[in-house]
């Protein structure tokens, strides 16, 4: 299976160049379906659409020839992300902040600039905000794993549902991000002057900002930005690995906690399967499983024995 691809921030000139290339190799132009679609082509069994927002999307395909064509499109587009400006690239991002199920995953990635192009080809513009089955993330992670070694590795910290129920979430994020940054510094011999570090801005704490400022004073390039994964490969990569880890855990517990034909769902508070599963589990009278965050409104509205609680502060020496 050739997974779908998304490219963003493509101007009309580049889009027309790609369109002409596809038509030259036998793609068929078909009618658009929505007003915000500029053009839509079919190549083999793959549909490639260019949108007025500057986004281009190619659907998944079973045809191996499509993979080569999508790679050629990627080559025509060129770099999706800001090229590396230092010898080493470091990025941090998290997933699981809003879900009802499972851990909060914070991931830090470190890779050498010599791997930038290869990693970019694997990652593409994979959208961690969209819902995908586990196999989608497993395929990307499997391709990334082939590149891992001395020049590319990652660190992960998981915050348990129990701690999320007990403590302020932003404080948990702060200490976890700080711990990951410190682990990267301690477990590598890379000089700060050789590093570009990018952190997705979740509302970073003053303590983390101080740590980053110290790195900047030692020559590191430090970037803290919202929606950073749209511009920087470092945080896109961290977000993908965090998503892979999250979906892997949910996949492992899916069958064990199935109730009849009702599965746990993704854990999104607005997802129908998730809400249905919560109701069905509550009917069993069993205690909530370890992965359910009982402090979340969706859960305590179903279970009247629970209620909104004031989160504890985290006191550190």
C-alpha atoms as a PDB file:
ATOM      1  CA  UNK A   1       0.000   0.000   0.000  1.00  0.00           C
ATOM      2  CA  UNK A   2       1.305   3.435  -0.995  1.00  0.00           C
ATOM      3  CA  UNK A   3       0.166   5.843   1.693  1.00  0.00           C
ATOM      4  CA  UNK A   4      -1.494   9.143   0.843  1.00  0.00           C
ATOM      5  CA  UNK A   5       0.613  12.293   0.705  1.00  0.00           C
ATOM      6  CA  UNK A   6      -0.073  15.910   1.564  1.00  0.00           C
ATOM      7  CA  UNK A   7       1.980  18.934   0.539  1.00  0.00           C
ATOM      8  CA  UNK A   8       1.278  22.463   1.771  1.00  0.00           C
ATOM      9  CA  UNK A   9       2.140  26.039   0.814  1.00  0.00           C
ATOM     10  CA  UNK A  10       2.411  25.289  -2.926  1.00  0.00           C
ATOM     11  CA  UNK A  11       1.995  28.326  -5.162  1.00  0.00           C
ATOM     12  CA  UNK A  12       0.007  28.263  -8.405  1.00  0.00           C
ATOM     13  CA  UNK A  13       3.125  28.277 -10.605  1.00  0.00           C
ATOM     14  CA  UNK A  14       4.534  25.165  -8.950  1.00  0.00           C
ATOM     15  CA  UNK A  15       1.099  23.497  -8.921  1.00  0.00           C
ATOM     16  CA  UNK A  16       0.718  24.052 -12.676  1.00  0.00           C
ATOM     17  CA  UNK A  17       4.194  22.609 -13.255  1.00  0.00           C
ATOM     18  CA  UNK A  18       3.156  19.460 -11.362  1.00  0.00           C
ATOM     19  CA  UNK A  19      -0.161  19.304 -13.213  1.00  0.00           C
ATOM     20  CA  UNK A  20       1.571  19.473 -16.602  1.00  0.00           C
ATOM     21  CA  UNK A  21       4.007  16.767 -15.532  1.00  0.00           C
ATOM     22  CA  UNK A  22       1.162  14.464 -14.488  1.00  0.00           C
ATOM     23  CA  UNK A  23      -0.752  15.082 -17.724  1.00  0.00           C
ATOM     24  CA  UNK A  24       2.408  14.314 -19.723  1.00  0.00           C
ATOM     25  CA  UNK A  25       2.645  10.834 -18.192  1.00  0.00           C
ATOM     26  CA  UNK A  26      -0.978   9.968 -18.815  1.00  0.00           C
ATOM     27  CA  UNK A  27      -2.912  11.377 -15.878  1.00  0.00           C
ATOM     28  CA  UNK A  28      -6.543  12.181 -16.575  1.00  0.00           C
ATOM     29  CA  UNK A  29      -8.076  15.523 -15.623  1.00  0.00           C
ATOM     30  CA  UNK A  30     -11.434  15.083 -13.927  1.00  0.00           C
ATOM     31  CA  UNK A  31     -13.932  17.575 -12.607  1.00  0.00           C
ATOM     32  CA  UNK A  32     -13.546  19.223  -9.228  1.00  0.00           C
ATOM     33  CA  UNK A  33     -16.079  18.400  -6.540  1.00  0.00           C
ATOM     34  CA  UNK A  34     -15.842  21.462  -4.294  1.00  0.00           C
ATOM     35  CA  UNK A  35     -15.398  25.205  -4.886  1.00  0.00           C
ATOM     36  CA  UNK A  36     -12.055  25.211  -3.070  1.00  0.00           C
ATOM     37  CA  UNK A  37     -10.591  22.583  -5.441  1.00  0.00           C
ATOM     38  CA  UNK A  38      -8.543  24.193  -8.231  1.00  0.00           C
ATOM     39  CA  UNK A  39      -7.933  20.983 -10.191  1.00  0.00           C
ATOM     40  CA  UNK A  40      -8.228  17.243  -9.762  1.00  0.00           C
ATOM     41  CA  UNK A  41      -6.354  14.516 -11.656  1.00  0.00           C
ATOM     42  CA  UNK A  42      -6.435  10.734 -11.691  1.00  0.00           C
ATOM     43  CA  UNK A  43      -3.278   8.682 -12.249  1.00  0.00           C
ATOM     44  CA  UNK A  44      -3.769   4.912 -12.138  1.00  0.00           C
ATOM     45  CA  UNK A  45      -6.029   4.567  -9.087  1.00  0.00           C
ATOM     46  CA  UNK A  46      -4.647   7.633  -7.291  1.00  0.00           C
ATOM     47  CA  UNK A  47      -6.500  10.971  -7.153  1.00  0.00           C
ATOM     48  CA  UNK A  48      -4.351  14.093  -6.863  1.00  0.00           C
ATOM     49  CA  UNK A  49      -6.100  17.329  -5.921  1.00  0.00           C
ATOM     50  CA  UNK A  50      -4.785  20.884  -5.686  1.00  0.00           C
ATOM     51  CA  UNK A  51      -6.715  23.255  -3.405  1.00  0.00           C
ATOM     52  CA  UNK A  52      -6.989  27.043  -3.386  1.00  0.00           C
ATOM     53  CA  UNK A  53      -5.354  27.004   0.071  1.00  0.00           C
ATOM     54  CA  UNK A  54      -2.088  25.860  -1.548  1.00  0.00           C
ATOM     55  CA  UNK A  55      -2.448  22.275  -0.318  1.00  0.00           C
ATOM     56  CA  UNK A  56      -2.017  19.288  -2.626  1.00  0.00           C
ATOM     57  CA  UNK A  57      -3.267  15.858  -1.613  1.00  0.00           C
ATOM     58  CA  UNK A  58      -2.742  12.429  -3.195  1.00  0.00           C
ATOM     59  CA  UNK A  59      -4.940   9.535  -2.089  1.00  0.00           C
ATOM     60  CA  UNK A  60      -3.514   6.148  -1.003  1.00  0.00           C
ATOM     61  CA  UNK A  61      -2.979   3.579  -3.736  1.00  0.00           C
ATOM     62  CA  UNK A  62      -2.280  -0.125  -4.220  1.00  0.00           C
ATOM     63  CA  UNK A  63      -0.213   0.543  -7.347  1.00  0.00           C
ATOM     64  CA  UNK A  64       3.593   0.542  -6.731  1.00  0.00           C
ATOM     65  CA  UNK A  65       4.098   2.833  -9.756  1.00  0.00           C
ATOM     66  CA  UNK A  66       2.225   5.561  -7.879  1.00  0.00           C
ATOM     67  CA  UNK A  67       4.964   5.637  -5.227  1.00  0.00           C
ATOM     68  CA  UNK A  68       7.558   6.668  -7.832  1.00  0.00           C
ATOM     69  CA  UNK A  69       5.259   9.372  -9.202  1.00  0.00           C
ATOM     70  CA  UNK A  70       4.613  10.809  -5.732  1.00  0.00           C
ATOM     71  CA  UNK A  71       8.368  10.910  -5.115  1.00  0.00           C
ATOM     72  CA  UNK A  72       8.809  12.823  -8.377  1.00  0.00           C
ATOM     73  CA  UNK A  73       6.139  15.285  -7.254  1.00  0.00           C
ATOM     74  CA  UNK A  74       8.085  15.703  -4.010  1.00  0.00           C
ATOM     75  CA  UNK A  75      11.255  16.398  -5.990  1.00  0.00           C
ATOM     76  CA  UNK A  76       9.446  19.024  -8.089  1.00  0.00           C
ATOM     77  CA  UNK A  77       8.146  20.720  -4.938  1.00  0.00           C
ATOM     78  CA  UNK A  78      11.577  20.679  -3.299  1.00  0.00           C
ATOM     79  CA  UNK A  79      12.098  21.189   0.423  1.00  0.00           C
ATOM     80  CA  UNK A  80       8.863  21.255   2.412  1.00  0.00           C
ATOM     81  CA  UNK A  81      10.619  22.371   5.579  1.00  0.00           C
ATOM     82  CA  UNK A  82      13.203  24.973   6.539  1.00  0.00           C
ATOM     83  CA  UNK A  83      16.604  23.533   5.543  1.00  0.00           C
ATOM     84  CA  UNK A  84      19.023  22.785   8.395  1.00  0.00           C
ATOM     85  CA  UNK A  85      21.158  25.677   9.593  1.00  0.00           C
ATOM     86  CA  UNK A  86      23.237  23.712  12.103  1.00  0.00           C
ATOM     87  CA  UNK A  87      25.014  20.366  12.057  1.00  0.00           C
ATOM     88  CA  UNK A  88      22.451  18.746  14.366  1.00  0.00           C
ATOM     89  CA  UNK A  89      18.668  19.118  14.376  1.00  0.00           C
ATOM     90  CA  UNK A  90      16.667  18.675  17.601  1.00  0.00           C
ATOM     91  CA  UNK A  91      12.899  18.864  17.872  1.00  0.00           C
ATOM     92  CA  UNK A  92      10.278  18.323  20.589  1.00  0.00           C
ATOM     93  CA  UNK A  93       6.527  17.844  20.339  1.00  0.00           C
ATOM     94  CA  UNK A  94       3.758  15.979  22.132  1.00  0.00           C
ATOM     95  CA  UNK A  95       0.500  14.189  21.503  1.00  0.00           C
ATOM     96  CA  UNK A  96      -2.344  13.034  23.713  1.00  0.00           C
ATOM     97  CA  UNK A  97      -3.012  16.316  25.458  1.00  0.00           C
ATOM     98  CA  UNK A  98      -6.733  16.404  24.750  1.00  0.00           C
ATOM     99  CA  UNK A  99      -7.667  12.732  24.444  1.00  0.00           C
ATOM    100  CA  UNK A 100      -9.585  10.865  27.139  1.00  0.00           C
ATOM    101  CA  UNK A 101      -7.474   7.714  26.801  1.00  0.00           C
ATOM    102  CA  UNK A 102      -3.867   6.890  27.464  1.00  0.00           C
ATOM    103  CA  UNK A 103      -0.601   8.619  28.143  1.00  0.00           C
ATOM    104  CA  UNK A 104       0.572  12.075  27.226  1.00  0.00           C
ATOM    105  CA  UNK A 105       3.566  11.387  24.959  1.00  0.00           C
ATOM    106  CA  UNK A 106       6.437  13.894  24.744  1.00  0.00           C
ATOM    107  CA  UNK A 107       9.103  13.037  22.171  1.00  0.00           C
ATOM    108  CA  UNK A 108      12.466  14.590  21.421  1.00  0.00           C
ATOM    109  CA  UNK A 109      14.301  13.748  18.185  1.00  0.00           C
ATOM    110  CA  UNK A 110      17.950  14.282  17.294  1.00  0.00           C
ATOM    111  CA  UNK A 111      19.334  13.830  13.788  1.00  0.00           C
ATOM    112  CA  UNK A 112      22.358  14.906  11.756  1.00  0.00           C
ATOM    113  CA  UNK A 113      21.849  17.318   8.889  1.00  0.00           C
ATOM    114  CA  UNK A 114      23.194  14.676   6.459  1.00  0.00           C
ATOM    115  CA  UNK A 115      19.944  12.737   6.995  1.00  0.00           C
ATOM    116  CA  UNK A 116      17.642  15.726   6.476  1.00  0.00           C
ATOM    117  CA  UNK A 117      16.647  14.908   2.879  1.00  0.00           C
ATOM    118  CA  UNK A 118      16.085  11.202   3.562  1.00  0.00           C
ATOM    119  CA  UNK A 119      13.943  11.879   6.625  1.00  0.00           C
ATOM    120  CA  UNK A 120      11.992  14.552   4.762  1.00  0.00           C
ATOM    121  CA  UNK A 121      11.201  12.064   1.992  1.00  0.00           C
ATOM    122  CA  UNK A 122       9.873   9.538   4.517  1.00  0.00           C
ATOM    123  CA  UNK A 123       7.901  12.043   6.585  1.00  0.00           C
ATOM    124  CA  UNK A 124       6.560  14.190   3.760  1.00  0.00           C
ATOM    125  CA  UNK A 125       3.713  16.273   5.126  1.00  0.00           C
ATOM    126  CA  UNK A 126       2.091  13.484   7.141  1.00  0.00           C
ATOM    127  CA  UNK A 127      -0.668  15.170   9.104  1.00  0.00           C
ATOM    128  CA  UNK A 128      -0.706  14.174  12.771  1.00  0.00           C
ATOM    129  CA  UNK A 129      -3.941  16.090  13.284  1.00  0.00           C
ATOM    130  CA  UNK A 130      -5.881  13.751  11.002  1.00  0.00           C
ATOM    131  CA  UNK A 131      -7.231  10.379  12.060  1.00  0.00           C
ATOM    132  CA  UNK A 132      -5.284   7.435  10.616  1.00  0.00           C
ATOM    133  CA  UNK A 133      -5.266   3.718  11.359  1.00  0.00           C
ATOM    134  CA  UNK A 134      -2.263   2.319  13.219  1.00  0.00           C
ATOM    135  CA  UNK A 135      -0.807   0.754  10.041  1.00  0.00           C
ATOM    136  CA  UNK A 136      -0.387   4.247   8.565  1.00  0.00           C
ATOM    137  CA  UNK A 137       1.860   5.353  11.425  1.00  0.00           C
ATOM    138  CA  UNK A 138       3.565   1.942  11.580  1.00  0.00           C
ATOM    139  CA  UNK A 139       4.603   2.209   7.937  1.00  0.00           C
ATOM    140  CA  UNK A 140       6.157   5.643   8.461  1.00  0.00           C
ATOM    141  CA  UNK A 141       7.887   4.580  11.684  1.00  0.00           C
ATOM    142  CA  UNK A 142       9.183   1.414   9.999  1.00  0.00           C
ATOM    143  CA  UNK A 143      10.799   3.511   7.260  1.00  0.00           C
ATOM    144  CA  UNK A 144      12.251   5.896   9.857  1.00  0.00           C
ATOM    145  CA  UNK A 145      13.620   3.027  11.938  1.00  0.00           C
ATOM    146  CA  UNK A 146      15.840   1.998   9.011  1.00  0.00           C
ATOM    147  CA  UNK A 147      17.587   5.375   9.311  1.00  0.00           C
ATOM    148  CA  UNK A 148      18.037   5.297  13.087  1.00  0.00           C
ATOM    149  CA  UNK A 149      21.461   4.906  14.635  1.00  0.00           C
ATOM    150  CA  UNK A 150      24.267   7.200  15.774  1.00  0.00           C
ATOM    151  CA  UNK A 151      23.032  10.006  13.511  1.00  0.00           C
ATOM    152  CA  UNK A 152      19.326   9.727  14.304  1.00  0.00           C
ATOM    153  CA  UNK A 153      17.540   8.723  17.492  1.00  0.00           C
ATOM    154  CA  UNK A 154      14.655   9.765  19.679  1.00  0.00           C
ATOM    155  CA  UNK A 155      13.735   9.989  23.363  1.00  0.00           C
ATOM    156  CA  UNK A 156      10.244   9.639  24.776  1.00  0.00           C
ATOM    157  CA  UNK A 157       8.674  10.495  28.129  1.00  0.00           C
ATOM    158  CA  UNK A 158       5.152   9.357  28.976  1.00  0.00           C
ATOM    159  CA  UNK A 159       2.859  11.024  31.487  1.00  0.00           C
ATOM    160  CA  UNK A 160       0.435   8.524  32.974  1.00  0.00           C
ATOM    161  CA  UNK A 161      -3.364   8.972  33.040  1.00  0.00           C
ATOM    162  CA  UNK A 162      -3.125   8.769  36.828  1.00  0.00           C
ATOM    163  CA  UNK A 163      -0.815  11.796  36.967  1.00  0.00           C
ATOM    164  CA  UNK A 164      -2.969  13.652  34.436  1.00  0.00           C
ATOM    165  CA  UNK A 165      -5.975  13.100  36.712  1.00  0.00           C
ATOM    166  CA  UNK A 166      -4.039  14.372  39.724  1.00  0.00           C
ATOM    167  CA  UNK A 167      -1.922  17.290  38.509  1.00  0.00           C
ATOM    168  CA  UNK A 168      -2.221  20.396  36.355  1.00  0.00           C
ATOM    169  CA  UNK A 169      -1.650  19.387  32.737  1.00  0.00           C
ATOM    170  CA  UNK A 170       0.450  22.399  31.744  1.00  0.00           C
ATOM    171  CA  UNK A 171       2.748  21.842  34.719  1.00  0.00           C
ATOM    172  CA  UNK A 172       3.117  18.206  33.704  1.00  0.00           C
ATOM    173  CA  UNK A 173       3.990  19.336  30.188  1.00  0.00           C
ATOM    174  CA  UNK A 174       6.538  21.818  31.501  1.00  0.00           C
ATOM    175  CA  UNK A 175       8.485  19.368  33.656  1.00  0.00           C
ATOM    176  CA  UNK A 176       8.321  16.676  30.968  1.00  0.00           C
ATOM    177  CA  UNK A 177       9.644  18.948  28.227  1.00  0.00           C
ATOM    178  CA  UNK A 178      12.435  20.101  30.539  1.00  0.00           C
ATOM    179  CA  UNK A 179      13.300  16.492  31.361  1.00  0.00           C
ATOM    180  CA  UNK A 180      13.491  15.545  27.671  1.00  0.00           C
ATOM    181  CA  UNK A 181      15.725  18.537  26.828  1.00  0.00           C
ATOM    182  CA  UNK A 182      18.050  17.701  29.729  1.00  0.00           C
ATOM    183  CA  UNK A 183      18.201  14.036  28.719  1.00  0.00           C
ATOM    184  CA  UNK A 184      19.198  15.025  25.191  1.00  0.00           C
ATOM    185  CA  UNK A 185      21.970  17.252  26.567  1.00  0.00           C
ATOM    186  CA  UNK A 186      23.169  14.580  28.988  1.00  0.00           C
ATOM    187  CA  UNK A 187      23.016  11.619  26.604  1.00  0.00           C
ATOM    188  CA  UNK A 188      24.819  13.248  23.667  1.00  0.00           C
ATOM    189  CA  UNK A 189      28.202  14.907  23.329  1.00  0.00           C
ATOM    190  CA  UNK A 190      26.868  17.457  20.871  1.00  0.00           C
ATOM    191  CA  UNK A 191      27.964  21.027  21.514  1.00  0.00           C
ATOM    192  CA  UNK A 192      25.073  23.547  21.741  1.00  0.00           C
ATOM    193  CA  UNK A 193      26.784  25.652  19.058  1.00  0.00           C
ATOM    194  CA  UNK A 194      26.156  22.823  16.582  1.00  0.00           C
ATOM    195  CA  UNK A 195      22.426  22.483  17.309  1.00  0.00           C
ATOM    196  CA  UNK A 196      19.179  23.924  16.024  1.00  0.00           C
ATOM    197  CA  UNK A 197      16.466  23.095  18.548  1.00  0.00           C
ATOM    198  CA  UNK A 198      12.806  23.604  17.674  1.00  0.00           C
ATOM    199  CA  UNK A 199       9.980  23.264  20.200  1.00  0.00           C
ATOM    200  CA  UNK A 200       6.314  23.447  19.383  1.00  0.00           C
ATOM    201  CA  UNK A 201       4.907  26.200  21.583  1.00  0.00           C
ATOM    202  CA  UNK A 202       2.320  24.609  23.867  1.00  0.00           C
ATOM    203  CA  UNK A 203       2.658  27.607  26.223  1.00  0.00           C
ATOM    204  CA  UNK A 204       6.196  26.961  27.420  1.00  0.00           C
ATOM    205  CA  UNK A 205       7.110  27.782  31.008  1.00  0.00           C
ATOM    206  CA  UNK A 206       9.628  30.380  32.165  1.00  0.00           C
ATOM    207  CA  UNK A 207      11.789  27.567  33.528  1.00  0.00           C
ATOM    208  CA  UNK A 208      12.017  25.921  30.104  1.00  0.00           C
ATOM    209  CA  UNK A 209      12.588  29.293  28.443  1.00  0.00           C
ATOM    210  CA  UNK A 210      15.493  29.912  30.832  1.00  0.00           C
ATOM    211  CA  UNK A 211      17.013  26.551  29.918  1.00  0.00           C
ATOM    212  CA  UNK A 212      16.645  27.343  26.227  1.00  0.00           C
ATOM    213  CA  UNK A 213      18.099  30.820  26.702  1.00  0.00           C
ATOM    214  CA  UNK A 214      21.176  29.256  28.308  1.00  0.00           C
ATOM    215  CA  UNK A 215      21.565  27.035  25.244  1.00  0.00           C
ATOM    216  CA  UNK A 216      21.201  30.084  23.005  1.00  0.00           C
ATOM    217  CA  UNK A 217      23.959  31.849  24.919  1.00  0.00           C
ATOM    218  CA  UNK A 218      26.183  28.852  24.167  1.00  0.00           C
ATOM    219  CA  UNK A 219      25.560  29.184  20.432  1.00  0.00           C
ATOM    220  CA  UNK A 220      22.482  27.049  19.838  1.00  0.00           C
ATOM    221  CA  UNK A 221      19.769  28.264  17.473  1.00  0.00           C
ATOM    222  CA  UNK A 222      16.540  28.055  19.478  1.00  0.00           C
ATOM    223  CA  UNK A 223      13.075  28.283  17.908  1.00  0.00           C
ATOM    224  CA  UNK A 224       9.825  28.155  19.875  1.00  0.00           C
ATOM    225  CA  UNK A 225       6.865  28.485  17.532  1.00  0.00           C
ATOM    226  CA  UNK A 226       3.193  27.590  17.250  1.00  0.00           C
ATOM    227  CA  UNK A 227       2.330  25.169  14.418  1.00  0.00           C
ATOM    228  CA  UNK A 228       6.063  24.618  14.073  1.00  0.00           C
ATOM    229  CA  UNK A 229       5.580  21.230  12.399  1.00  0.00           C
ATOM    230  CA  UNK A 230       4.323  23.036   9.279  1.00  0.00           C
ATOM    231  CA  UNK A 231       7.762  24.630   8.846  1.00  0.00           C
ATOM    232  CA  UNK A 232      10.306  22.519  10.697  1.00  0.00           C
ATOM    233  CA  UNK A 233      11.113  18.873  10.076  1.00  0.00           C
ATOM    234  CA  UNK A 234      12.348  18.489  13.652  1.00  0.00           C
ATOM    235  CA  UNK A 235       8.954  18.970  15.269  1.00  0.00           C
ATOM    236  CA  UNK A 236       7.060  17.200  12.465  1.00  0.00           C
ATOM    237  CA  UNK A 237       9.247  14.168  13.092  1.00  0.00           C
ATOM    238  CA  UNK A 238       8.756  14.341  16.883  1.00  0.00           C
ATOM    239  CA  UNK A 239       4.983  14.641  16.410  1.00  0.00           C
ATOM    240  CA  UNK A 240       4.882  11.600  14.117  1.00  0.00           C
ATOM    241  CA  UNK A 241       6.850   9.388  16.494  1.00  0.00           C
ATOM    242  CA  UNK A 242       4.669  10.523  19.410  1.00  0.00           C
ATOM    243  CA  UNK A 243       1.562   9.686  17.356  1.00  0.00           C
ATOM    244  CA  UNK A 244       2.961   6.275  16.423  1.00  0.00           C
ATOM    245  CA  UNK A 245       3.657   5.502  20.083  1.00  0.00           C
ATOM    246  CA  UNK A 246       0.195   6.637  21.155  1.00  0.00           C
ATOM    247  CA  UNK A 247      -1.670   4.640  18.508  1.00  0.00           C
ATOM    248  CA  UNK A 248       0.478   1.565  19.153  1.00  0.00           C
ATOM    249  CA  UNK A 249      -0.594   1.480  22.802  1.00  0.00           C
ATOM    250  CA  UNK A 250      -4.257   1.976  21.923  1.00  0.00           C
ATOM    251  CA  UNK A 251      -3.985  -0.751  19.300  1.00  0.00           C
ATOM    252  CA  UNK A 252      -2.567  -3.153  21.900  1.00  0.00           C
ATOM    253  CA  UNK A 253      -5.488  -2.630  24.292  1.00  0.00           C
ATOM    254  CA  UNK A 254      -8.232  -2.399  21.652  1.00  0.00           C
ATOM    255  CA  UNK A 255      -9.115  -6.098  21.594  1.00  0.00           C
ATOM    256  CA  UNK A 256      -8.682  -6.647  25.344  1.00  0.00           C
ATOM    257  CA  UNK A 257     -11.224  -3.946  26.250  1.00  0.00           C
ATOM    258  CA  UNK A 258     -13.725  -4.585  23.492  1.00  0.00           C
ATOM    259  CA  UNK A 259     -17.338  -4.830  24.730  1.00  0.00           C
ATOM    260  CA  UNK A 260     -19.309  -6.962  22.316  1.00  0.00           C
ATOM    261  CA  UNK A 261     -18.697  -5.245  19.001  1.00  0.00           C
ATOM    262  CA  UNK A 262     -17.931  -1.873  20.599  1.00  0.00           C
ATOM    263  CA  UNK A 263     -14.244  -0.880  20.513  1.00  0.00           C
ATOM    264  CA  UNK A 264     -12.542   1.858  22.528  1.00  0.00           C
ATOM    265  CA  UNK A 265     -12.201   4.283  19.627  1.00  0.00           C
ATOM    266  CA  UNK A 266      -9.465   6.905  19.372  1.00  0.00           C
ATOM    267  CA  UNK A 267     -10.109   8.585  22.712  1.00  0.00           C
ATOM    268  CA  UNK A 268     -11.230  11.823  21.114  1.00  0.00           C
ATOM    269  CA  UNK A 269     -13.961  13.364  23.277  1.00  0.00           C
ATOM    270  CA  UNK A 270     -16.119  14.111  20.222  1.00  0.00           C
ATOM    271  CA  UNK A 271     -15.805  10.716  18.577  1.00  0.00           C
ATOM    272  CA  UNK A 272     -18.959   8.619  18.493  1.00  0.00           C
ATOM    273  CA  UNK A 273     -17.173   5.285  19.095  1.00  0.00           C
ATOM    274  CA  UNK A 274     -15.339   6.672  22.110  1.00  0.00           C
ATOM    275  CA  UNK A 275     -18.537   7.993  23.726  1.00  0.00           C
ATOM    276  CA  UNK A 276     -20.376   4.755  22.987  1.00  0.00           C
ATOM    277  CA  UNK A 277     -17.603   2.654  24.514  1.00  0.00           C
ATOM    278  CA  UNK A 278     -17.540   4.809  27.685  1.00  0.00           C
ATOM    279  CA  UNK A 279     -21.269   4.306  28.164  1.00  0.00           C
ATOM    280  CA  UNK A 280     -21.022   0.556  27.538  1.00  0.00           C
ATOM    281  CA  UNK A 281     -18.129   0.155  29.957  1.00  0.00           C
ATOM    282  CA  UNK A 282     -19.913   2.118  32.657  1.00  0.00           C
ATOM    283  CA  UNK A 283     -22.908  -0.227  32.326  1.00  0.00           C
ATOM    284  CA  UNK A 284     -20.692  -3.197  33.248  1.00  0.00           C
ATOM    285  CA  UNK A 285     -20.148  -1.756  36.739  1.00  0.00           C
ATOM    286  CA  UNK A 286     -16.411  -2.489  36.503  1.00  0.00           C
ATOM    287  CA  UNK A 287     -13.817   0.081  37.614  1.00  0.00           C
ATOM    288  CA  UNK A 288     -12.545   2.269  34.825  1.00  0.00           C
ATOM    289  CA  UNK A 289      -9.462   0.756  33.118  1.00  0.00           C
ATOM    290  CA  UNK A 290      -6.043   2.287  33.745  1.00  0.00           C
ATOM    291  CA  UNK A 291      -6.028   4.224  30.469  1.00  0.00           C
ATOM    292  CA  UNK A 292      -9.234   6.218  31.086  1.00  0.00           C
ATOM    293  CA  UNK A 293      -8.697   9.772  32.348  1.00  0.00           C
ATOM    294  CA  UNK A 294     -11.398  10.083  34.972  1.00  0.00           C
ATOM    295  CA  UNK A 295     -10.860  13.813  35.528  1.00  0.00           C
ATOM    296  CA  UNK A 296     -12.118  14.644  32.038  1.00  0.00           C
ATOM    297  CA  UNK A 297     -15.615  16.071  31.739  1.00  0.00           C
ATOM    298  CA  UNK A 298     -16.790  13.497  29.206  1.00  0.00           C
ATOM    299  CA  UNK A 299     -16.079  10.713  31.710  1.00  0.00           C
ATOM    300  CA  UNK A 300     -17.422  12.257  34.909  1.00  0.00           C
ATOM    301  CA  UNK A 301     -20.628  13.287  33.118  1.00  0.00           C
ATOM    302  CA  UNK A 302     -21.233   9.575  32.487  1.00  0.00           C
ATOM    303  CA  UNK A 303     -20.065   8.350  35.892  1.00  0.00           C
ATOM    304  CA  UNK A 304     -21.975  10.290  38.572  1.00  0.00           C
ATOM    305  CA  UNK A 305     -19.636   8.895  41.245  1.00  0.00           C
ATOM    306  CA  UNK A 306     -16.963  11.125  39.762  1.00  0.00           C
ATOM    307  CA  UNK A 307     -16.893  14.891  39.665  1.00  0.00           C
ATOM    308  CA  UNK A 308     -14.719  17.741  38.549  1.00  0.00           C
ATOM    309  CA  UNK A 309     -11.746  18.049  40.867  1.00  0.00           C
ATOM    310  CA  UNK A 310      -9.217  20.747  41.488  1.00  0.00           C
ATOM    311  CA  UNK A 311      -5.854  19.603  40.220  1.00  0.00           C
ATOM    312  CA  UNK A 312      -2.910  19.552  42.616  1.00  0.00           C
ATOM    313  CA  UNK A 313       0.125  21.704  42.063  1.00  0.00           C
ATOM    314  CA  UNK A 314       3.492  20.060  41.474  1.00  0.00           C
ATOM    315  CA  UNK A 315       5.994  21.156  44.090  1.00  0.00           C
ATOM    316  CA  UNK A 316       9.642  20.809  43.153  1.00  0.00           C
ATOM    317  CA  UNK A 317      12.713  21.514  45.187  1.00  0.00           C
END
